[in-house]
Amino acid sequence: MASNWTVCGLCNYRNINKASVVWCSECDEGLCGECREHHGASKSTRNHDTMSITEYQKLQPNVLEITQTCQKHKEHYQIFCKKHDCPCCRRCVIETHNDCNDLTAIEDIVKNVKSSNAWLEVEQTLVQMLKNVQRIRNDRTENLKCLQDQRVEIERDINQTRKMINDHLDKIHDKTIKELYANEENESKRIKLLLCEIEDIEKGISDLQGNQNNIRQHASELQTFLALKHIEKEVSDKAECIQSVLKNEDMKIKTLALEVNKDVQNIDRADCFGSVSVESKSFKVVIDSYKNKQAQMMVPIVISKCIDDIVLSNKMEINLKSSGNVRGCAILPNGQMLFSDNEGIKTIALKDNCSHDLDIALNTAAFDMAYIEGEHTIAVTTGYSGKSIHIINVNRTRKRSIKTSANPYGIALKKNTLVYCKEGKGIMEVQLNGESEKTLVCLDMPSFSYVAVYGDNMYYTNKDNHSVTCYDILGNLKWTFKNTKNLRYPQGIAVDNNGNVYVASMDTNSVVIITLDGKRCKTILSSRDGLSKPRAMHFEPTSNKFLVANETKFAFLFDVS
C-alpha cells in the first residue's frame, strides 16, 4: 500500500506526528509545511512535482493504494518486465527476472502514458459504452411510453365496442380491462427493473470517466499506468454487463394487442370480452462494436510512441532521374521501391540499393499506387487522365484493369479490397476483381486527394480546404484536422504502426505528423531535409521504413524509431 498520505512522512520517520499538506509522487510520501520548504530547497528534490493533499485525495482509493516502491525490497521500481507484466525494483531483476529478455526502464514505459493510444482507447471506449447504454435506456423508455399509448388506444377501442352492446357485457368488459392493465403493469414492471439495471451500469461508466479524469489530473505517471489495468478490467466488466442486458428477455419490444372475441355478437355464447396479449419483437437498438478494442486492451500494455518521440534516421537520398512529376510511391517488404511518373506515363521500379530496375509502361498516366502483397501486384490509378485502376505485375506488365465511373486518385489496400478517392463521388471500395464497388463515404471529393487505411479508420487529404479527415470504416466522421500554419495543400498520406498520420504538405515543403485522435501535429521533415514540393509517401510496416518523394527529381528513405 502507498505511504500514509495523511501524515508527513519525514516527521513520521522521526516519530513526530504532523499532518501533511502536500504530496510528492516521486518521494511517495506526504509533507508538512515545514518539510515542504526543505523539500523544495534540497538539490535532490527541488525539481519534484508536488500537489496539495486536497487535490491528491480526489483520486479513487484503489489508485491511492498503488505503491511506487517494491513491497518486498522497499526500493523504488526501476524496471518493467513485459513478460510478467509487472514493475520491478533493482533487486527483483536480479532475483526473479534475470532471465527475462523484455525489460524496459520504468521511466520510458510510463512516459506520456496519459497521451498514449492505450489511454485514449480506454477513454474512447468509455465514451462509446456510455452512448450505447444511453441508446438502450432511450429504447426502453420509448417502449414504456409505447406500452402506455397502446394501452390507452386499446382501452378506447374496448370502450367503443362496449357501447354497442348491452349491460350483459359489463362483467366480461371488466374482466378484459383487468387483464389489459395486468399485462401492461407486469411488462412495465419488468422494463422498469431493467431500466434500473441499465441506470446502474450508466452510473458506473460515468464514475469510471470521472475516475479517469481525476487520474489524468492528479495521479503520477506510474500510478496512472498501474491504475490503467484496473480501469481496463472494470471497462471489460461493464461491457459484459451491457451484453448481458442485451441478451435479457426483457430487451424484446413488448406491445399490447387486442383480439376481439368473435362470439361477442352472440352474447349468450360469449364468456369473455377479448384477450389482451403481449407481443415480443427483436429490439432495434444499434450499438457501436468495441469487441476488437476490448481484445486489444486485455493484452499486456505497450505504450505507443508519442509524436514528440518519433525520430526519422538513416536518411537515404534517391535520384529518380525522371523528367516527369512523381504522384505516388510504394516500398515493398523486400526493399524494392516503386514510383508512378505522371508525365512519363510509366511506373519506375528501383532495387533496394536504389539502382534502376525497370520501367513499366502504361497507356495512361499513372497517379497513386498500392501494393497488393497476396498477388505481388500493384494497383495504379490514372488520376485525371482516365477512369481506370490498373493491376500490374511488379516484375512484368499490366495484368488487368478495373473501370471506374469517375477519375480515381489516391488508393490504399484494405485487407482484400481497394479503397480509393473518386473525384466528385467520395471514398469508394472495390473488390480486387473489379466487382462489388460501393461507396464508403459520400462527399464531393476534390481532385488530387489521397487516402490511407489503418485498422477501422480511413483518412483522406483535401487540397482545397487544406485538411485531413478521418472516418471509421462505416463512414462515420471521427475528426477533421486543419492547421494552415503547418499544413497547406496536403497530398500523400500514410499511417505508421502506432496510428500516427503522416501527411505531405506541398506548400510548406514539409511532412507533418498528426496524432491518432487528430488533435495535435508536429512538423518532422522540412526543406532543410531536402523536401521541395513533397507529393507522395508510403510507410512500410514490417521494416518501419518511411518513403517520401518530391514532385520532381528526389525521394528520401528513412528508418522510423
Protein backbone atom coordinates (compact mmCIF):
# COMPACT_ATOMS: atom_id res chain seq x y z
CA MET A 1 0.00 0.00 0.00
CA ALA A 2 1.19 3.57 -0.69
CA SER A 3 2.56 5.65 2.15
CA ASN A 4 0.06 7.13 4.62
CA TRP A 5 -0.74 10.38 2.83
CA THR A 6 -2.45 11.96 5.84
CA VAL A 7 0.78 12.42 7.84
CA CYS A 8 4.16 13.91 6.95
CA GLY A 9 6.50 11.06 6.00
CA LEU A 10 9.67 12.81 7.16
CA CYS A 11 8.21 13.76 10.52
CA ASN A 12 6.73 10.31 10.98
CA TYR A 13 10.19 8.82 10.42
CA ARG A 14 11.35 10.91 13.42
CA ASN A 15 8.31 9.76 15.44
CA ILE A 16 6.66 13.18 15.08
CA ASN A 17 3.01 13.22 14.09
CA LYS A 18 2.26 16.13 11.74
CA ALA A 19 -0.48 16.37 9.14
CA SER A 20 0.73 16.53 5.54
CA VAL A 21 -0.25 19.49 3.37
CA VAL A 22 1.29 18.37 0.06
CA TRP A 23 2.09 15.06 -1.61
CA CYS A 24 5.25 14.24 -3.56
CA SER A 25 4.63 11.41 -6.02
CA GLU A 26 8.34 10.87 -6.65
CA CYS A 27 9.13 10.52 -2.94
CA ASP A 28 5.82 8.67 -2.45
CA GLU A 29 5.03 10.45 0.80
CA GLY A 30 3.25 13.46 2.27
CA LEU A 31 4.98 16.56 3.58
CA CYS A 32 4.03 19.08 6.24
CA GLY A 33 4.53 22.81 5.68
CA GLU A 34 8.00 22.91 7.22
CA CYS A 35 9.26 19.80 5.44
CA ARG A 36 7.83 21.09 2.18
CA GLU A 37 10.18 24.08 2.36
CA HIS A 38 13.21 21.82 2.95
CA HIS A 39 11.99 19.51 0.17
CA GLY A 40 11.76 22.41 -2.28
CA ALA A 41 15.20 23.72 -1.35
CA SER A 42 17.10 20.42 -1.39
CA LYS A 43 19.15 19.84 -4.53
CA SER A 44 17.95 16.24 -4.91
CA THR A 45 14.23 17.05 -4.57
CA ARG A 46 13.77 20.67 -5.65
CA ASN A 47 12.56 19.59 -9.12
CA HIS A 48 9.99 17.13 -7.77
CA ASP A 49 6.36 17.92 -8.60
CA THR A 50 4.07 18.19 -5.57
CA MET A 51 0.33 18.69 -5.20
CA SER A 52 -1.91 19.65 -2.32
CA ILE A 53 -3.32 16.84 -0.21
CA THR A 54 -6.80 18.17 -1.01
CA GLU A 55 -6.21 17.54 -4.71
CA TYR A 56 -4.43 14.22 -4.14
CA GLN A 57 -7.27 12.72 -2.11
CA LYS A 58 -9.63 13.21 -5.04
CA LEU A 59 -8.11 10.05 -6.52
CA GLN A 60 -10.01 6.80 -6.04
CA PRO A 61 -8.92 4.68 -3.02
CA ASN A 62 -7.63 1.92 -5.31
CA VAL A 63 -5.35 4.47 -7.03
CA LEU A 64 -4.16 5.88 -3.70
CA GLU A 65 -3.24 2.35 -2.66
CA ILE A 66 -0.88 1.92 -5.61
CA THR A 67 2.65 1.96 -4.29
CA GLN A 68 5.65 3.19 -6.23
CA THR A 69 8.11 1.08 -4.27
CA CYS A 70 8.66 -2.68 -4.14
CA GLN A 71 6.91 -4.07 -1.06
CA LYS A 72 9.38 -6.93 -0.79
CA HIS A 73 12.64 -4.98 -1.04
CA LYS A 74 11.43 -1.45 -0.12
CA GLU A 75 13.18 0.01 -3.18
CA HIS A 76 11.77 2.20 -5.95
CA TYR A 77 10.58 0.48 -9.11
CA GLN A 78 13.15 0.94 -11.88
CA ILE A 79 12.29 -1.69 -14.50
CA PHE A 80 9.09 -3.02 -16.12
CA CYS A 81 9.06 -6.68 -17.20
CA LYS A 82 6.77 -7.12 -20.20
CA LYS A 83 6.98 -10.90 -19.95
CA HIS A 84 5.48 -10.96 -16.46
CA ASP A 85 3.61 -7.66 -16.92
CA CYS A 86 4.87 -6.18 -13.65
CA PRO A 87 7.16 -3.42 -12.31
CA CYS A 88 10.43 -4.46 -10.66
CA CYS A 89 12.99 -2.90 -8.41
CA ARG A 90 16.74 -3.45 -8.86
CA ARG A 91 16.79 -6.48 -6.59
CA CYS A 92 13.68 -8.03 -8.19
CA VAL A 93 15.50 -8.06 -11.53
CA ILE A 94 18.48 -9.86 -10.01
CA GLU A 95 16.43 -12.38 -8.04
CA THR A 96 13.48 -13.30 -10.30
CA HIS A 97 13.81 -11.56 -13.69
CA ASN A 98 17.43 -12.20 -14.56
CA ASP A 99 16.42 -14.46 -17.47
CA CYS A 100 13.74 -12.11 -18.84
CA ASN A 101 14.72 -10.51 -22.13
CA ASP A 102 11.95 -7.91 -22.46
CA LEU A 103 12.89 -5.47 -19.68
CA THR A 104 12.28 -1.73 -20.09
CA ALA A 105 13.20 1.21 -17.90
CA ILE A 106 10.12 2.23 -15.93
CA GLU A 107 10.55 5.92 -16.81
CA ASP A 108 10.50 5.04 -20.53
CA ILE A 109 7.34 2.95 -20.40
CA VAL A 110 5.32 5.39 -18.27
CA LYS A 111 6.44 8.44 -20.23
CA ASN A 112 3.45 10.13 -21.91
CA VAL A 113 1.11 7.38 -20.62
CA LYS A 114 -1.73 9.91 -20.31
CA SER A 115 -1.46 10.73 -24.02
CA SER A 116 -0.79 7.16 -25.15
CA ASN A 117 -3.01 5.24 -27.54
CA ALA A 118 -3.84 2.74 -24.78
CA TRP A 119 -5.14 5.54 -22.55
CA LEU A 120 -7.05 7.13 -25.44
CA GLU A 121 -8.57 3.74 -26.34
CA VAL A 122 -9.93 3.36 -22.79
CA GLU A 123 -11.22 6.92 -22.83
CA GLN A 124 -12.90 6.50 -26.21
CA THR A 125 -14.31 3.10 -25.25
CA LEU A 126 -15.89 4.59 -22.11
CA VAL A 127 -17.49 7.33 -24.20
CA GLN A 128 -18.73 4.75 -26.68
CA MET A 129 -20.06 2.47 -23.97
CA LEU A 130 -21.90 5.35 -22.30
CA LYS A 131 -23.53 6.25 -25.62
CA ASN A 132 -24.56 2.62 -26.10
CA VAL A 133 -26.12 2.45 -22.63
CA GLN A 134 -27.95 5.72 -23.25
CA ARG A 135 -29.31 4.30 -26.51
CA ILE A 136 -30.53 1.21 -24.66
CA ARG A 137 -32.11 3.34 -21.92
CA ASN A 138 -33.84 5.55 -24.50
CA ASP A 139 -35.11 2.47 -26.32
CA ARG A 140 -36.60 1.02 -23.13
CA THR A 141 -38.11 4.39 -22.19
CA GLU A 142 -39.66 4.65 -25.63
CA ASN A 143 -41.04 1.12 -25.32
CA LEU A 144 -42.50 2.08 -21.94
CA LYS A 145 -44.27 5.06 -23.47
CA CYS A 146 -45.37 2.90 -26.40
CA LEU A 147 -46.95 0.44 -23.98
CA GLN A 148 -48.79 3.27 -22.27
CA ASP A 149 -50.00 4.73 -25.57
CA GLN A 150 -51.11 1.31 -26.79
CA ARG A 151 -52.89 0.68 -23.55
CA VAL A 152 -54.77 3.96 -23.95
CA GLU A 153 -55.65 3.15 -27.56
CA ILE A 154 -56.81 -0.36 -26.78
CA GLU A 155 -58.83 0.89 -23.83
CA ARG A 156 -60.57 3.35 -26.13
CA ASP A 157 -61.35 0.55 -28.59
CA ILE A 158 -62.74 -1.55 -25.80
CA ASN A 159 -64.96 1.27 -24.58
CA GLN A 160 -66.20 1.98 -28.09
CA THR A 161 -67.04 -1.66 -28.59
CA ARG A 162 -68.68 -1.77 -25.20
CA LYS A 163 -71.16 0.96 -26.22
CA MET A 164 -72.51 -1.29 -28.96
CA ILE A 165 -73.64 -3.98 -26.60
CA ASN A 166 -75.93 -4.08 -23.59
CA ASP A 167 -75.37 -4.30 -19.88
CA HIS A 168 -74.81 -8.03 -20.13
CA LEU A 169 -71.21 -7.22 -21.25
CA ASP A 170 -70.33 -5.39 -18.03
CA LYS A 171 -68.90 -8.46 -16.39
CA ILE A 172 -66.72 -9.61 -19.27
CA HIS A 173 -65.80 -5.98 -20.01
CA ASP A 174 -64.35 -5.59 -16.52
CA LYS A 175 -62.56 -8.91 -16.82
CA THR A 176 -60.85 -7.88 -20.05
CA ILE A 177 -59.89 -4.45 -18.74
CA LYS A 178 -58.27 -6.05 -15.72
CA GLU A 179 -56.33 -8.41 -17.98
CA LEU A 180 -55.17 -5.43 -20.05
CA TYR A 181 -53.95 -3.49 -17.03
CA ALA A 182 -52.38 -6.57 -15.50
CA ASN A 183 -50.36 -7.29 -18.65
CA GLU A 184 -49.36 -3.66 -19.04
CA GLU A 185 -48.38 -3.41 -15.39
CA ASN A 186 -46.43 -6.67 -15.48
CA GLU A 187 -44.46 -5.75 -18.60
CA SER A 188 -43.92 -2.19 -17.39
CA LYS A 189 -42.59 -3.52 -14.10
CA ARG A 190 -40.14 -5.79 -15.93
CA ILE A 191 -38.95 -2.94 -18.14
CA LYS A 192 -38.59 -0.60 -15.14
CA LEU A 193 -36.50 -3.21 -13.36
CA LEU A 194 -34.31 -3.50 -16.46
CA LEU A 195 -34.07 0.31 -16.63
CA CYS A 196 -32.82 0.37 -13.04
CA GLU A 197 -30.10 -2.09 -14.00
CA ILE A 198 -29.24 0.00 -17.06
CA GLU A 199 -29.04 3.17 -14.98
CA ASP A 200 -26.68 1.42 -12.55
CA ILE A 201 -24.43 0.49 -15.47
CA GLU A 202 -24.63 4.04 -16.79
CA LYS A 203 -23.68 5.47 -13.42
CA GLY A 204 -20.78 3.03 -13.16
CA ILE A 205 -19.44 4.12 -16.54
CA SER A 206 -19.81 7.80 -15.62
CA ASP A 207 -17.94 7.12 -12.39
CA LEU A 208 -15.16 5.43 -14.38
CA GLN A 209 -14.93 8.52 -16.58
CA GLY A 210 -14.70 10.77 -13.56
CA ASN A 211 -12.07 8.49 -12.06
CA GLN A 212 -10.09 8.60 -15.27
CA ASN A 213 -10.22 12.41 -15.39
CA ASN A 214 -9.03 12.60 -11.75
CA ILE A 215 -6.19 10.21 -12.52
CA ARG A 216 -5.15 12.26 -15.51
CA GLN A 217 -5.05 15.43 -13.42
CA HIS A 218 -3.68 14.21 -10.14
CA ALA A 219 -2.03 10.79 -10.36
CA SER A 220 1.62 10.22 -11.03
CA GLU A 221 2.68 8.58 -14.27
CA LEU A 222 3.29 5.25 -12.52
CA GLN A 223 0.01 5.39 -10.66
CA THR A 224 -1.71 6.17 -13.94
CA PHE A 225 0.00 3.27 -15.67
CA LEU A 226 -0.84 0.75 -12.98
CA ALA A 227 -4.36 2.12 -12.47
CA LEU A 228 -4.96 1.75 -16.18
CA LYS A 229 -5.04 -2.03 -15.85
CA HIS A 230 -7.67 -1.80 -13.10
CA ILE A 231 -9.74 0.59 -15.22
CA GLU A 232 -9.49 -1.75 -18.20
CA LYS A 233 -10.78 -4.60 -16.04
CA GLU A 234 -13.74 -2.50 -14.91
CA VAL A 235 -14.37 -1.41 -18.50
CA SER A 236 -14.43 -5.08 -19.53
CA ASP A 237 -16.87 -5.86 -16.69
CA LYS A 238 -19.17 -3.04 -17.78
CA ALA A 239 -19.05 -4.30 -21.35
CA GLU A 240 -20.11 -7.75 -20.14
CA CYS A 241 -22.97 -6.15 -18.19
CA ILE A 242 -24.16 -4.40 -21.34
CA GLN A 243 -24.01 -7.64 -23.31
CA SER A 244 -25.97 -9.34 -20.52
CA VAL A 245 -28.63 -6.62 -20.74
CA LEU A 246 -28.85 -7.05 -24.50
CA LYS A 247 -29.43 -10.80 -24.06
CA ASN A 248 -32.14 -10.23 -21.44
CA GLU A 249 -35.57 -11.41 -22.49
CA ASP A 250 -36.97 -8.05 -21.41
CA MET A 251 -34.99 -6.29 -24.19
CA LYS A 252 -37.53 -7.59 -26.65
CA ILE A 253 -40.03 -4.92 -27.70
CA LYS A 254 -43.30 -5.57 -25.92
CA THR A 255 -46.59 -4.45 -27.45
CA LEU A 256 -50.17 -4.85 -26.39
CA ALA A 257 -52.79 -6.12 -28.82
CA LEU A 258 -56.47 -6.93 -28.59
CA GLU A 259 -58.24 -9.73 -30.40
CA VAL A 260 -61.97 -9.17 -30.17
CA ASN A 261 -63.94 -12.29 -29.40
CA LYS A 262 -65.98 -13.32 -32.43
CA ASP A 263 -68.71 -14.52 -30.14
CA VAL A 264 -69.29 -11.02 -28.77
CA GLN A 265 -72.02 -10.61 -31.35
CA ASN A 266 -73.72 -13.61 -29.87
CA ILE A 267 -73.67 -12.56 -26.25
CA ASP A 268 -75.27 -15.73 -24.94
CA ARG A 269 -72.22 -17.73 -26.00
CA ALA A 270 -69.55 -15.17 -25.08
CA ASP A 271 -67.66 -15.86 -21.87
CA CYS A 272 -65.07 -13.06 -22.18
CA PHE A 273 -64.76 -9.64 -23.80
CA GLY A 274 -61.49 -10.39 -25.57
CA SER A 275 -57.89 -11.24 -24.85
CA VAL A 276 -55.00 -8.90 -24.36
CA SER A 277 -51.63 -10.32 -25.41
CA VAL A 278 -48.07 -9.13 -25.25
CA GLU A 279 -46.04 -9.50 -28.45
CA SER A 280 -42.24 -9.54 -28.42
CA LYS A 281 -40.12 -8.25 -31.29
CA SER A 282 -36.37 -8.03 -31.61
CA PHE A 283 -35.01 -4.75 -30.25
CA LYS A 284 -33.87 -2.15 -32.75
CA VAL A 285 -31.01 -0.61 -30.78
CA VAL A 286 -27.86 -0.34 -32.90
CA ILE A 287 -24.75 -0.16 -30.75
CA ASP A 288 -21.17 0.55 -31.75
CA SER A 289 -18.97 -2.53 -31.65
CA TYR A 290 -15.94 -2.44 -29.38
CA LYS A 291 -15.15 -6.15 -29.10
CA ASN A 292 -11.96 -5.74 -31.08
CA LYS A 293 -10.87 -2.87 -28.88
CA GLN A 294 -11.60 -4.92 -25.78
CA ALA A 295 -9.44 -7.75 -27.09
CA GLN A 296 -6.62 -5.32 -27.79
CA MET A 297 -6.89 -3.72 -24.37
CA MET A 298 -6.67 -7.01 -22.45
CA VAL A 299 -3.19 -7.85 -23.73
CA PRO A 300 -0.14 -6.52 -21.80
CA ILE A 301 0.17 -2.81 -22.45
CA VAL A 302 2.83 -1.46 -24.75
CA ILE A 303 2.66 2.32 -24.76
CA SER A 304 2.52 3.68 -28.31
CA LYS A 305 5.18 6.17 -29.23
CA CYS A 306 4.11 9.81 -28.89
CA ILE A 307 4.68 12.00 -31.97
CA ASP A 308 7.15 14.06 -29.91
CA ASP A 309 9.35 10.97 -29.56
CA ILE A 310 9.32 9.84 -33.20
CA VAL A 311 12.71 10.04 -34.88
CA LEU A 312 13.49 9.62 -38.61
CA SER A 313 17.07 8.42 -39.15
CA ASN A 314 19.45 6.80 -41.67
CA LYS A 315 18.34 9.14 -44.42
CA MET A 316 18.93 7.81 -47.95
CA GLU A 317 18.60 10.23 -50.87
CA ILE A 318 17.28 8.74 -54.11
CA ASN A 319 17.79 10.42 -57.50
CA LEU A 320 14.79 9.35 -59.59
CA LYS A 321 16.33 10.54 -62.87
CA SER A 322 12.87 11.23 -64.17
CA SER A 323 11.67 14.08 -66.36
CA GLY A 324 8.08 13.78 -65.19
CA ASN A 325 6.20 14.51 -62.00
CA VAL A 326 6.02 11.85 -59.30
CA ARG A 327 2.47 11.29 -58.00
CA GLY A 328 2.71 8.06 -55.98
CA CYS A 329 5.22 5.73 -54.42
CA ALA A 330 5.50 2.45 -52.52
CA ILE A 331 8.19 0.46 -50.76
CA LEU A 332 7.79 -3.32 -50.80
CA PRO A 333 8.74 -5.68 -47.94
CA ASN A 334 11.77 -6.81 -49.96
CA GLY A 335 13.04 -3.22 -50.17
CA GLN A 336 12.08 -2.62 -53.80
CA MET A 337 10.76 0.92 -54.39
CA LEU A 338 8.12 1.93 -56.91
CA PHE A 339 7.27 5.41 -58.19
CA SER A 340 4.46 6.48 -60.50
CA ASP A 341 5.65 9.08 -63.01
CA ASN A 342 2.68 11.09 -64.27
CA GLU A 343 4.19 12.87 -67.25
CA GLY A 344 6.39 9.95 -68.24
CA ILE A 345 3.31 7.68 -68.26
CA LYS A 346 5.21 4.89 -66.58
CA THR A 347 5.95 3.22 -63.28
CA ILE A 348 9.60 3.32 -62.17
CA ALA A 349 10.93 0.40 -60.13
CA LEU A 350 14.15 0.67 -58.10
CA LYS A 351 16.00 -2.06 -56.23
CA ASP A 352 16.66 -1.72 -52.51
CA ASN A 353 20.12 -0.24 -53.26
CA CYS A 354 18.41 2.47 -55.38
CA SER A 355 19.79 1.12 -58.66
CA HIS A 356 17.35 1.29 -61.55
CA ASP A 357 15.35 -1.92 -62.03
CA LEU A 358 12.77 -1.44 -64.77
CA ASP A 359 10.11 0.87 -66.19
CA ILE A 360 6.56 -0.43 -66.59
CA ALA A 361 4.84 1.40 -69.44
CA LEU A 362 1.12 2.20 -69.31
CA ASN A 363 -1.25 3.55 -71.93
CA THR A 364 -2.45 6.22 -69.49
CA ALA A 365 -0.80 8.47 -66.93
CA ALA A 366 -0.06 6.95 -63.54
CA PHE A 367 -1.18 8.65 -60.31
CA ASP A 368 -1.15 6.85 -56.93
CA MET A 369 -0.38 3.21 -56.18
CA ALA A 370 -1.00 0.50 -53.57
CA TYR A 371 0.91 -2.77 -53.15
CA ILE A 372 -1.18 -5.99 -53.07
CA GLU A 373 1.10 -8.42 -51.23
CA GLY A 374 -1.05 -11.54 -51.79
CA GLU A 375 -0.75 -11.16 -55.57
CA HIS A 376 2.65 -9.40 -55.62
CA THR A 377 0.99 -6.77 -57.78
CA ILE A 378 0.40 -3.04 -57.54
CA ALA A 379 -2.84 -1.14 -58.14
CA VAL A 380 -2.20 2.11 -60.05
CA THR A 381 -4.83 4.84 -60.50
CA THR A 382 -4.97 7.02 -63.60
CA GLY A 383 -5.91 10.33 -61.94
CA TYR A 384 -7.23 12.98 -64.31
CA SER A 385 -6.02 11.10 -67.41
CA GLY A 386 -8.54 8.28 -67.27
CA LYS A 387 -11.16 6.30 -65.38
CA SER A 388 -9.29 3.11 -64.57
CA ILE A 389 -7.32 1.29 -61.91
CA HIS A 390 -4.57 -0.84 -63.45
CA ILE A 391 -3.43 -4.02 -61.68
CA ILE A 392 0.22 -4.52 -62.64
CA ASN A 393 2.59 -7.40 -62.02
CA VAL A 394 5.58 -5.90 -60.19
CA ASN A 395 8.06 -7.73 -62.36
CA ARG A 396 6.34 -7.59 -65.72
CA THR A 397 3.39 -5.78 -67.28
CA ARG A 398 -0.22 -4.88 -66.71
CA LYS A 399 -2.45 -7.83 -65.74
CA ARG A 400 -5.93 -6.30 -65.79
CA SER A 401 -7.84 -3.04 -65.39
CA ILE A 402 -10.79 -2.02 -63.24
CA LYS A 403 -13.09 0.56 -64.85
CA THR A 404 -14.41 3.42 -62.73
CA SER A 405 -17.20 5.91 -63.44
CA ALA A 406 -15.06 8.94 -62.47
CA ASN A 407 -11.37 9.80 -62.17
CA PRO A 408 -9.65 7.80 -59.40
CA TYR A 409 -6.84 9.45 -57.43
CA GLY A 410 -5.42 8.25 -54.09
CA ILE A 411 -5.62 4.50 -53.42
CA ALA A 412 -4.94 2.12 -50.50
CA LEU A 413 -5.40 -1.56 -49.69
CA LYS A 414 -7.91 -2.66 -47.02
CA LYS A 415 -7.48 -6.38 -46.46
CA ASN A 416 -8.74 -7.88 -49.74
CA THR A 417 -10.32 -4.74 -51.20
CA LEU A 418 -9.12 -1.47 -52.70
CA VAL A 419 -10.16 1.87 -51.21
CA TYR A 420 -9.76 4.90 -53.47
CA CYS A 421 -10.76 8.55 -53.89
CA LYS A 422 -13.24 9.04 -56.72
CA GLU A 423 -13.47 12.65 -57.91
CA GLY A 424 -16.83 14.21 -57.09
CA LYS A 425 -18.15 11.00 -55.53
CA GLY A 426 -16.26 10.23 -52.31
CA ILE A 427 -14.29 7.35 -50.84
CA MET A 428 -15.04 4.10 -52.69
CA GLU A 429 -14.34 0.42 -52.10
CA VAL A 430 -13.98 -2.18 -54.85
CA GLN A 431 -13.08 -5.88 -54.89
CA LEU A 432 -9.74 -6.84 -56.44
CA ASN A 433 -11.59 -8.45 -59.32
CA GLY A 434 -13.40 -5.16 -60.03
CA GLU A 435 -16.77 -6.34 -58.74
CA SER A 436 -19.00 -5.05 -55.93
CA GLU A 437 -17.97 -1.41 -55.94
CA LYS A 438 -19.63 0.53 -53.11
CA THR A 439 -19.49 3.99 -51.56
CA LEU A 440 -17.93 4.13 -48.08
CA VAL A 441 -18.17 7.92 -47.69
CA CYS A 442 -20.32 10.05 -49.97
CA LEU A 443 -18.86 13.56 -50.49
CA ASP A 444 -17.78 15.98 -53.19
CA MET A 445 -14.26 14.58 -53.43
CA PRO A 446 -11.80 17.09 -54.94
CA SER A 447 -9.16 16.03 -57.44
CA PHE A 448 -5.64 15.14 -56.26
CA SER A 449 -6.91 13.64 -52.99
CA TYR A 450 -5.01 10.80 -51.31
CA VAL A 451 -6.30 8.11 -48.95
CA ALA A 452 -4.83 5.82 -46.27
CA VAL A 453 -6.35 2.98 -44.23
CA TYR A 454 -5.34 1.93 -40.71
CA GLY A 455 -7.39 -0.62 -38.76
CA ASP A 456 -11.02 0.53 -38.86
CA ASN A 457 -10.13 4.09 -39.85
CA MET A 458 -9.80 5.83 -43.23
CA TYR A 459 -8.00 9.14 -43.81
CA TYR A 460 -8.10 11.40 -46.85
CA THR A 461 -6.46 14.70 -47.81
CA ASN A 462 -8.30 17.70 -49.22
CA LYS A 463 -6.07 20.22 -51.00
CA ASP A 464 -8.93 22.69 -51.48
CA ASN A 465 -9.52 23.38 -47.78
CA HIS A 466 -6.07 22.24 -46.51
CA SER A 467 -7.49 19.50 -44.29
CA VAL A 468 -7.11 15.84 -43.34
CA THR A 469 -10.29 13.96 -42.37
CA CYS A 470 -10.74 10.65 -40.56
CA TYR A 471 -13.76 8.35 -40.96
CA ASP A 472 -14.42 4.94 -39.50
CA ILE A 473 -14.97 2.04 -41.86
CA LEU A 474 -18.76 2.56 -41.63
CA GLY A 475 -18.41 6.10 -42.98
CA ASN A 476 -18.91 7.92 -39.67
CA LEU A 477 -16.90 11.13 -39.28
CA LYS A 478 -14.37 10.90 -36.42
CA TRP A 479 -12.33 14.10 -36.82
CA THR A 480 -11.06 16.73 -39.24
CA PHE A 481 -7.64 18.33 -38.83
CA LYS A 482 -6.90 21.78 -40.25
CA ASN A 483 -3.91 23.97 -39.40
CA THR A 484 -2.78 26.16 -42.28
CA LYS A 485 0.29 27.29 -40.36
CA ASN A 486 1.75 23.78 -40.63
CA LEU A 487 -0.36 22.09 -43.32
CA ARG A 488 -1.14 23.65 -46.71
CA TYR A 489 -2.07 21.81 -49.89
CA PRO A 490 -1.92 18.33 -48.28
CA GLN A 491 -1.16 15.47 -50.65
CA GLY A 492 0.28 12.00 -49.95
CA ILE A 493 -0.75 10.36 -46.67
CA ALA A 494 0.50 7.34 -44.68
CA VAL A 495 -0.06 5.82 -41.22
CA ASP A 496 2.61 4.18 -39.04
CA ASN A 497 2.26 1.17 -36.72
CA ASN A 498 1.11 3.40 -33.85
CA GLY A 499 -1.71 5.04 -35.81
CA ASN A 500 0.13 8.36 -36.26
CA VAL A 501 -0.76 10.02 -39.56
CA TYR A 502 1.99 11.37 -41.88
CA VAL A 503 0.94 13.98 -44.47
CA ALA A 504 2.89 15.66 -47.29
CA SER A 505 2.38 19.43 -47.10
CA MET A 506 3.35 20.71 -50.55
CA ASP A 507 3.06 24.45 -49.99
CA THR A 508 5.16 24.35 -46.78
CA ASN A 509 7.70 21.86 -48.21
CA SER A 510 7.28 19.62 -45.18
CA VAL A 511 5.92 16.39 -43.75
CA VAL A 512 3.53 16.75 -40.82
CA ILE A 513 2.61 14.05 -38.27
CA ILE A 514 -0.92 14.13 -36.79
CA THR A 515 -1.83 12.23 -33.62
CA LEU A 516 -4.24 9.29 -33.59
CA ASP A 517 -7.05 11.48 -32.21
CA GLY A 518 -6.44 14.29 -34.72
CA LYS A 519 -5.79 16.91 -32.02
CA ARG A 520 -2.05 17.65 -32.35
CA CYS A 521 0.54 17.83 -35.10
CA LYS A 522 4.29 18.12 -35.49
CA THR A 523 6.45 19.00 -38.50
CA ILE A 524 9.01 16.19 -38.73
CA LEU A 525 10.62 16.94 -42.14
CA SER A 526 11.14 20.26 -43.91
CA SER A 527 13.06 21.93 -46.73
CA ARG A 528 16.21 21.56 -44.60
CA ASP A 529 15.85 17.80 -45.14
CA GLY A 530 15.70 18.22 -48.92
CA LEU A 531 11.92 18.47 -49.33
CA SER A 532 10.68 20.56 -52.24
CA LYS A 533 7.02 20.16 -53.12
CA PRO A 534 6.68 16.72 -51.49
CA ARG A 535 3.88 14.84 -53.20
CA ALA A 536 3.90 11.10 -52.42
CA MET A 537 4.74 8.94 -49.41
CA HIS A 538 4.48 5.40 -48.10
CA PHE A 539 5.10 3.63 -44.77
CA GLU A 540 6.24 0.00 -44.86
CA PRO A 541 5.05 -1.57 -41.57
CA THR A 542 7.25 -4.67 -41.39
CA SER A 543 10.55 -2.80 -41.76
CA ASN A 544 9.43 0.54 -40.25
CA LYS A 545 10.65 2.32 -43.38
CA PHE A 546 9.22 5.68 -44.48
CA LEU A 547 9.50 6.80 -48.11
CA VAL A 548 8.67 10.35 -49.23
CA ALA A 549 9.06 11.69 -52.78
CA ASN A 550 9.28 15.25 -54.05
CA GLU A 551 7.21 16.05 -57.11
CA THR A 552 10.42 16.08 -59.16
CA LYS A 553 13.91 14.54 -59.07
CA PHE A 554 14.42 13.32 -55.50
CA ALA A 555 12.93 10.93 -52.96
CA PHE A 556 14.11 10.10 -49.43
CA LEU A 557 14.03 6.90 -47.39
CA PHE A 558 14.12 6.90 -43.57
CA ASP A 559 14.06 4.48 -40.65
CA VAL A 560 11.28 5.31 -38.19
CA SER A 561 12.05 4.87 -34.50
